[in-house]
Protein backbone atom coordinates (compact mmCIF):
# COMPACT_ATOMS: atom_id res chain seq x y z
CA MET A 1 -42.60 -38.02 4.47
CA VAL A 2 -39.99 -35.63 3.12
CA GLU A 3 -38.69 -36.49 -0.35
CA LYS A 4 -35.12 -35.82 -1.48
CA ASN A 5 -36.34 -33.59 -4.31
CA GLU A 6 -38.15 -31.43 -1.74
CA LEU A 7 -34.87 -30.97 0.13
CA SER A 8 -33.15 -30.08 -3.14
CA GLU A 9 -35.81 -27.45 -3.82
CA LEU A 10 -35.27 -25.92 -0.38
CA LYS A 11 -31.51 -25.76 -0.96
CA ALA A 12 -32.09 -24.20 -4.39
CA GLU A 13 -34.30 -21.57 -2.73
CA LEU A 14 -31.53 -20.89 -0.20
CA LYS A 15 -29.01 -20.35 -3.00
CA SER A 16 -31.43 -17.91 -4.62
CA ILE A 17 -31.71 -15.98 -1.34
CA ASN A 18 -27.92 -15.84 -1.04
CA LEU A 19 -27.60 -14.48 -4.57
CA GLU A 20 -30.21 -11.87 -3.75
CA ALA A 21 -28.33 -10.96 -0.56
CA ALA A 22 -25.26 -10.08 -2.63
CA LYS A 23 -27.23 -7.17 -4.12
CA ILE A 24 -26.96 -5.32 -0.80
CA ARG A 25 -23.75 -3.67 -2.06
CA GLU A 26 -25.74 -1.97 -4.83
CA LEU A 27 -28.27 -0.38 -2.46
CA PRO A 28 -28.03 3.10 -0.92
CA VAL A 29 -26.44 2.95 2.53
CA GLU A 30 -29.67 3.97 4.29
CA GLU A 31 -31.58 1.02 2.78
CA ARG A 32 -29.05 -1.72 3.58
CA ALA A 33 -30.01 -2.35 7.22
CA ASP A 34 -33.68 -3.00 6.46
CA PHE A 35 -32.82 -5.10 3.41
CA GLY A 36 -30.33 -7.14 5.45
CA LYS A 37 -32.87 -7.86 8.20
CA LYS A 38 -35.46 -9.10 5.72
CA ILE A 39 -32.96 -11.28 3.86
CA ASN A 40 -31.64 -12.78 7.11
CA ALA A 41 -35.17 -13.54 8.29
CA ARG A 42 -35.91 -15.39 5.03
CA ARG A 43 -32.57 -17.20 5.26
CA GLN A 44 -33.17 -18.37 8.84
CA ASP A 45 -36.65 -19.57 7.90
CA ILE A 46 -35.36 -21.66 5.00
CA LEU A 47 -32.44 -22.99 7.09
CA SER A 48 -34.94 -24.16 9.69
CA LYS A 49 -36.99 -25.95 7.02
CA ILE A 50 -33.83 -27.57 5.61
CA ALA A 51 -32.82 -28.80 9.09
CA GLU A 52 -36.30 -30.31 9.60
CA ALA A 53 -36.23 -31.95 6.16
CA GLU A 54 -32.77 -33.44 6.75
CA LYS A 55 -33.85 -34.79 10.15
CA ALA A 56 -36.95 -36.34 8.59
CA LEU A 57 -34.81 -38.10 5.99
CA LEU A 58 -32.48 -39.45 8.68
CA ASP A 59 -35.47 -40.85 10.59
CA VAL A 60 -36.59 -42.98 7.63
CA GLU A 61 -36.10 -46.68 8.32
CA VAL A 62 -33.48 -48.30 6.07
CA GLU A 63 -33.34 -52.02 5.34
CA ALA A 64 -30.39 -53.62 7.13
CA LEU A 65 -27.60 -55.01 4.94
CA ASP A 66 -25.10 -57.58 6.24
CA VAL A 67 -21.90 -56.27 4.64
CA THR A 68 -19.91 -59.16 6.14
CA ALA A 69 -21.72 -61.71 3.98
CA TRP A 70 -19.86 -62.91 0.87
CA SER A 71 -21.53 -61.84 -2.38
CA GLY A 72 -21.38 -65.39 -3.75
CA VAL A 73 -23.93 -66.43 -1.12
CA ASN A 74 -26.44 -63.71 -1.91
CA GLU A 75 -26.74 -62.50 -5.51
CA SER A 76 -28.34 -59.24 -4.38
CA LEU A 77 -25.06 -58.14 -2.75
CA PRO A 78 -22.39 -56.36 -4.79
CA GLU A 79 -19.28 -58.20 -5.91
CA PHE A 80 -16.39 -57.82 -3.46
CA TYR A 81 -12.69 -57.99 -4.16
CA PRO A 82 -10.76 -60.72 -2.33
CA ALA A 83 -8.65 -58.99 0.32
CA GLU A 84 -5.35 -59.88 -1.35
CA LEU A 85 -6.33 -57.88 -4.48
CA GLY A 86 -6.86 -54.59 -2.65
CA SER A 87 -5.18 -51.45 -3.97
CA LYS A 88 -4.79 -47.77 -3.15
CA HIS A 89 -7.61 -45.42 -4.04
CA PRO A 90 -6.61 -43.21 -7.01
CA LEU A 91 -6.99 -40.07 -4.88
CA MET A 92 -4.53 -41.42 -2.32
CA THR A 93 -2.05 -42.36 -5.05
CA GLU A 94 -2.18 -38.85 -6.50
CA LEU A 95 -2.07 -37.25 -3.06
CA ASP A 96 1.19 -39.12 -2.41
CA ARG A 97 2.51 -37.73 -5.69
CA VAL A 98 1.53 -34.17 -4.73
CA ILE A 99 3.21 -34.49 -1.32
CA GLU A 100 6.36 -35.95 -2.87
CA ILE A 101 6.72 -32.96 -5.22
CA TYR A 102 6.42 -30.47 -2.37
CA GLU A 103 8.79 -32.46 -0.15
CA LEU A 104 11.42 -32.38 -2.89
CA MET A 105 10.95 -28.60 -2.92
CA GLY A 106 11.82 -28.49 0.80
CA PHE A 107 8.35 -28.34 2.39
CA ASP A 108 7.37 -30.08 5.62
CA VAL A 109 4.04 -31.93 5.66
CA VAL A 110 1.34 -31.63 8.34
CA GLU A 111 -1.90 -33.59 8.02
CA SER A 112 -5.17 -31.69 8.40
CA ARG A 113 -7.93 -32.54 10.92
CA GLN A 114 -11.37 -33.86 10.07
CA LEU A 115 -13.05 -32.03 12.96
CA ASP A 116 -12.13 -28.53 14.09
CA ASP A 117 -13.53 -25.51 15.91
CA GLU A 118 -14.86 -22.01 15.21
CA PHE A 119 -11.58 -20.33 16.14
CA HIS A 120 -9.37 -22.21 13.69
CA MET A 121 -12.03 -22.30 10.97
CA PHE A 122 -12.85 -18.58 11.05
CA ASP A 123 -11.47 -16.35 13.82
CA SER A 124 -7.78 -17.14 13.30
CA LEU A 125 -8.23 -16.58 9.55
CA ASN A 126 -9.59 -13.02 9.80
CA PHE A 127 -13.19 -13.92 8.90
CA PRO A 128 -15.55 -11.12 9.99
CA LYS A 129 -18.24 -12.11 12.52
CA GLU A 130 -20.99 -11.53 9.94
CA HIS A 131 -19.26 -13.43 7.11
CA PRO A 132 -21.82 -15.65 5.30
CA ALA A 133 -19.47 -18.67 5.38
CA ARG A 134 -20.25 -18.96 9.11
CA ASP A 135 -23.91 -19.72 8.32
CA GLY A 136 -25.25 -23.26 8.27
CA TYR A 137 -25.98 -23.25 4.55
CA ASP A 138 -22.24 -23.33 3.79
CA THR A 139 -20.59 -24.98 6.80
CA PHE A 140 -21.43 -28.28 8.49
CA ARG A 141 -21.53 -28.44 12.29
CA THR A 142 -21.92 -31.31 14.73
CA GLU A 143 -24.36 -31.24 17.65
CA GLU A 144 -21.37 -30.47 19.89
CA GLY A 145 -20.54 -27.36 17.84
CA LEU A 146 -17.50 -28.84 16.10
CA ILE A 147 -16.90 -28.16 12.41
CA PRO A 148 -15.84 -30.62 9.70
CA PRO A 149 -13.39 -28.23 7.95
CA ALA A 150 -14.52 -26.64 4.71
CA HIS A 151 -10.89 -25.91 3.79
CA THR A 152 -7.44 -27.01 4.90
CA SER A 153 -6.73 -23.39 5.86
CA THR A 154 -8.06 -24.33 9.32
CA MET A 155 -4.54 -25.64 9.97
CA GLN A 156 -2.81 -22.38 9.06
CA HIS A 157 -2.81 -20.94 12.59
CA ARG A 158 -1.46 -24.19 14.06
CA VAL A 159 1.26 -24.41 11.40
CA LEU A 160 2.37 -20.82 12.01
CA LYS A 161 2.62 -21.39 15.77
CA GLN A 162 4.21 -24.84 15.50
CA PHE A 163 6.93 -23.74 13.06
CA LYS A 164 7.47 -20.23 14.43
CA LYS A 165 10.76 -21.51 15.88
CA ASN A 166 12.06 -21.72 12.29
CA LEU A 167 11.86 -17.93 12.05
CA ASP A 168 13.67 -17.54 15.38
CA ASN A 169 16.49 -19.70 13.92
CA GLY A 170 16.71 -17.66 10.72
CA GLN A 171 14.82 -20.24 8.62
CA ALA A 172 11.56 -19.97 6.69
CA ILE A 173 8.26 -21.63 7.54
CA ALA A 174 7.56 -23.92 4.58
CA VAL A 175 4.68 -26.36 5.12
CA VAL A 176 2.00 -28.07 3.04
CA VAL A 177 -1.19 -29.42 4.61
CA PRO A 178 -3.10 -32.17 2.76
CA GLY A 179 -6.49 -33.16 4.09
CA ARG A 180 -10.15 -34.00 3.60
CA VAL A 181 -12.69 -31.17 3.56
CA PHE A 182 -16.48 -31.01 3.71
CA ARG A 183 -18.97 -28.51 2.26
CA ASN A 184 -22.73 -28.24 2.13
CA GLU A 185 -22.94 -28.62 -1.65
CA ASP A 186 -25.60 -29.88 -4.01
CA VAL A 187 -23.76 -32.83 -5.55
CA ASP A 188 -23.38 -32.98 -9.33
CA ALA A 189 -20.68 -33.84 -11.87
CA THR A 190 -18.46 -30.94 -10.79
CA HIS A 191 -19.47 -30.50 -7.12
CA GLU A 192 -19.03 -32.89 -4.20
CA HIS A 193 -19.66 -32.42 -0.48
CA THR A 194 -16.49 -34.35 0.42
CA PHE A 195 -13.14 -33.87 -1.30
CA TYR A 196 -9.43 -33.31 -0.68
CA GLN A 197 -7.34 -30.15 -0.63
CA CYS A 198 -3.69 -29.27 -0.18
CA GLU A 199 -2.77 -26.04 1.62
CA GLY A 200 0.62 -24.38 1.34
CA VAL A 201 2.13 -21.89 3.82
CA TYR A 202 5.44 -20.03 3.46
CA VAL A 203 6.75 -17.28 5.77
CA SER A 204 10.14 -15.52 5.87
CA GLU A 205 11.65 -12.05 6.23
CA ASP A 206 11.91 -11.42 2.50
CA CYS A 207 9.36 -13.65 0.73
CA ASN A 208 7.21 -12.07 -1.97
CA MET A 209 4.50 -12.87 -4.49
CA GLY A 210 7.05 -13.61 -7.20
CA GLN A 211 8.40 -16.49 -5.11
CA MET A 212 4.88 -17.81 -4.59
CA LEU A 213 4.13 -17.83 -8.32
CA GLY A 214 7.46 -19.54 -8.98
CA ILE A 215 6.71 -22.31 -6.46
CA LEU A 216 3.23 -22.90 -7.89
CA ARG A 217 4.49 -22.94 -11.46
CA GLU A 218 7.21 -25.43 -10.52
CA PHE A 219 4.64 -27.67 -8.82
CA PHE A 220 2.24 -27.79 -11.77
CA GLU A 221 5.03 -28.34 -14.29
CA LYS A 222 6.30 -31.27 -12.22
CA TYR A 223 2.81 -32.68 -11.77
CA TYR A 224 1.79 -32.45 -15.43
CA GLU A 225 5.34 -33.16 -16.66
CA GLN A 226 5.55 -30.26 -19.12
CA LYS A 227 6.41 -26.57 -19.27
CA LEU A 228 3.36 -24.38 -18.60
CA ASN A 229 2.47 -20.73 -18.93
CA ILE A 230 0.67 -19.23 -15.94
CA ARG A 231 -1.78 -16.41 -15.38
CA THR A 232 -3.45 -14.80 -12.36
CA GLN A 233 -6.59 -12.81 -11.77
CA PRO A 234 -7.81 -10.89 -8.70
CA GLY A 235 -9.57 -12.88 -5.99
CA TYR A 236 -10.83 -12.38 -2.45
CA PHE A 237 -10.11 -14.40 0.70
CA PRO A 238 -10.30 -12.97 4.24
CA PHE A 239 -6.94 -14.50 5.17
CA THR A 240 -4.84 -13.17 2.26
CA GLU A 241 -4.25 -9.65 0.94
CA PRO A 242 -3.77 -9.26 -1.94
CA SER A 243 -5.57 -12.41 -3.09
CA LEU A 244 -5.26 -14.12 -6.46
CA GLU A 245 -6.77 -16.94 -8.45
CA PHE A 246 -3.95 -18.95 -10.03
CA MET A 247 -4.41 -20.31 -13.57
CA ILE A 248 -2.30 -22.60 -15.74
CA GLU A 249 -2.20 -23.14 -19.44
CA LYS A 250 -4.33 -26.19 -20.24
CA PRO A 251 -1.95 -29.19 -20.49
CA LYS A 252 -1.43 -30.74 -23.92
CA SER A 253 -2.44 -34.12 -22.49
CA LEU A 254 -5.94 -32.68 -22.08
CA GLY A 255 -6.09 -31.26 -25.58
CA GLY A 256 -5.04 -27.81 -24.47
CA LYS A 257 -4.29 -25.18 -27.10
CA LYS A 258 -2.43 -21.89 -26.86
CA GLY A 259 -4.56 -19.40 -24.92
CA ASP A 260 -6.57 -22.05 -23.03
CA TYR A 261 -6.29 -21.52 -19.26
CA LEU A 262 -7.68 -23.37 -16.24
CA GLU A 263 -8.22 -21.90 -12.77
CA MET A 264 -6.47 -24.24 -10.31
CA LEU A 265 -6.38 -22.65 -6.86
CA GLY A 266 -6.66 -19.56 -4.68
CA CYS A 267 -3.57 -17.90 -3.24
CA GLY A 268 -2.15 -14.64 -1.91
CA MET A 269 0.00 -12.90 0.68
CA ILE A 270 -0.97 -13.88 4.23
CA HIS A 271 -3.00 -11.11 5.88
CA PRO A 272 -1.08 -9.29 8.66
CA ASN A 273 -3.92 -10.05 11.10
CA VAL A 274 -3.40 -13.80 10.56
CA LEU A 275 0.32 -13.47 11.31
CA LYS A 276 -0.44 -11.40 14.45
CA MET A 277 -2.90 -14.03 15.72
CA ALA A 278 -0.07 -16.58 15.58
CA GLY A 279 2.36 -14.31 17.41
CA ILE A 280 4.39 -13.40 14.30
CA ASP A 281 5.38 -9.76 13.74
CA PRO A 282 3.98 -8.73 10.30
CA SER A 283 6.30 -5.71 10.19
CA LYS A 284 9.28 -8.09 10.15
CA TYR A 285 7.95 -11.20 8.44
CA HIS A 286 5.85 -11.76 5.34
CA GLY A 287 4.11 -14.87 4.09
CA PHE A 288 2.05 -16.34 1.33
CA ALA A 289 -0.43 -19.22 1.22
CA TRP A 290 -2.41 -21.19 -1.32
CA GLY A 291 -5.00 -23.96 -1.39
CA GLY A 292 -6.38 -26.15 -4.16
CA GLY A 293 -8.39 -29.33 -4.69
CA ILE A 294 -6.71 -32.68 -5.23
CA ASP A 295 -9.82 -34.13 -6.88
CA ARG A 296 -9.65 -31.48 -9.61
CA LEU A 297 -5.98 -32.24 -10.24
CA VAL A 298 -6.77 -35.94 -10.69
CA MET A 299 -9.80 -35.27 -12.90
CA LEU A 300 -7.69 -33.16 -15.24
CA ARG A 301 -4.76 -35.58 -15.22
CA TYR A 302 -6.90 -38.53 -16.28
CA GLY A 303 -9.61 -36.74 -18.25
CA LEU A 304 -12.42 -37.66 -15.83
CA ASN A 305 -15.75 -35.87 -16.25
CA ASP A 306 -17.54 -36.64 -12.96
CA VAL A 307 -16.13 -35.90 -9.49
CA ARG A 308 -18.70 -38.22 -7.91
CA HIS A 309 -16.72 -41.26 -9.05
CA PHE A 310 -14.18 -40.74 -6.27
CA GLU A 311 -16.66 -41.21 -3.39
CA SER A 312 -19.01 -43.64 -5.14
CA GLY A 313 -17.23 -46.92 -4.35
CA ASN A 314 -17.92 -47.96 -7.94
CA LEU A 315 -15.73 -51.02 -8.59
CA ASN A 316 -15.77 -50.53 -12.37
CA PHE A 317 -14.26 -47.07 -11.88
CA LEU A 318 -11.70 -48.24 -9.31
CA ARG A 319 -10.58 -51.14 -11.52
CA GLU A 320 -9.41 -48.62 -14.12
CA PHE A 321 -6.64 -47.67 -11.68
């Protein structure tokens, strides 16, 4: 029988292989092909073992639990809330707050999908065919070949096509996309395989990076209810060029001091290839986009130290809200 710790060891080995693969840039050009073949062979072998281990775990028989039974009848069942005492999950409450701020700034809202395809996940976003994110160690796939999105950017192509008429009418495309995303992560206090993101897309004839930074600064100041200094550093995303990592001064509510900064999201000017794929002329129109996690926003707002609380169903945690 496969144990969970064995699966964790296999995933740790895969991460080690991926780190080793990154060294290919340091090798002489003539050595890269052979190195790449060997690394890919090792990666495919470990991916096969991981798939077998995961299947073995799924095949393990689990004791049936009647979740319709009232906990007062069986002391082994968890305590349930009476239906009339139900409340919104804290993530949903904060997501509503995020959406409200963007709506007041003039953005339309389009909900993301929870299943998508290869084209919207990668091809429409300028991902190269050999990009490692396409591999199974990073991206989930169903047996039918569908993909639970790893980022809300999967909606970017649809948003650009759907709102292209705005440009034809002399208006900007201004849309935010909230949604649930899924990644093949080893779960710990700061990493979760299921979480929420909010994507932003803006396109016009004269938009620029200064406008993007102004919008993001305005959002975070509204969200944390205080004036904030901002900072950026270079980043890399296939669908933006140039790409930045956006940072804010640590809010006072979290004990922030002058010079303390937190990285909040990735952003940048939309790559011309992405605009072309959506039928938008990049020589006439420019755009910028950004995407960040809602869970991280909420953790910082309330001083939470473990992202796993959100998906745990822990009643003690939920009662705090």
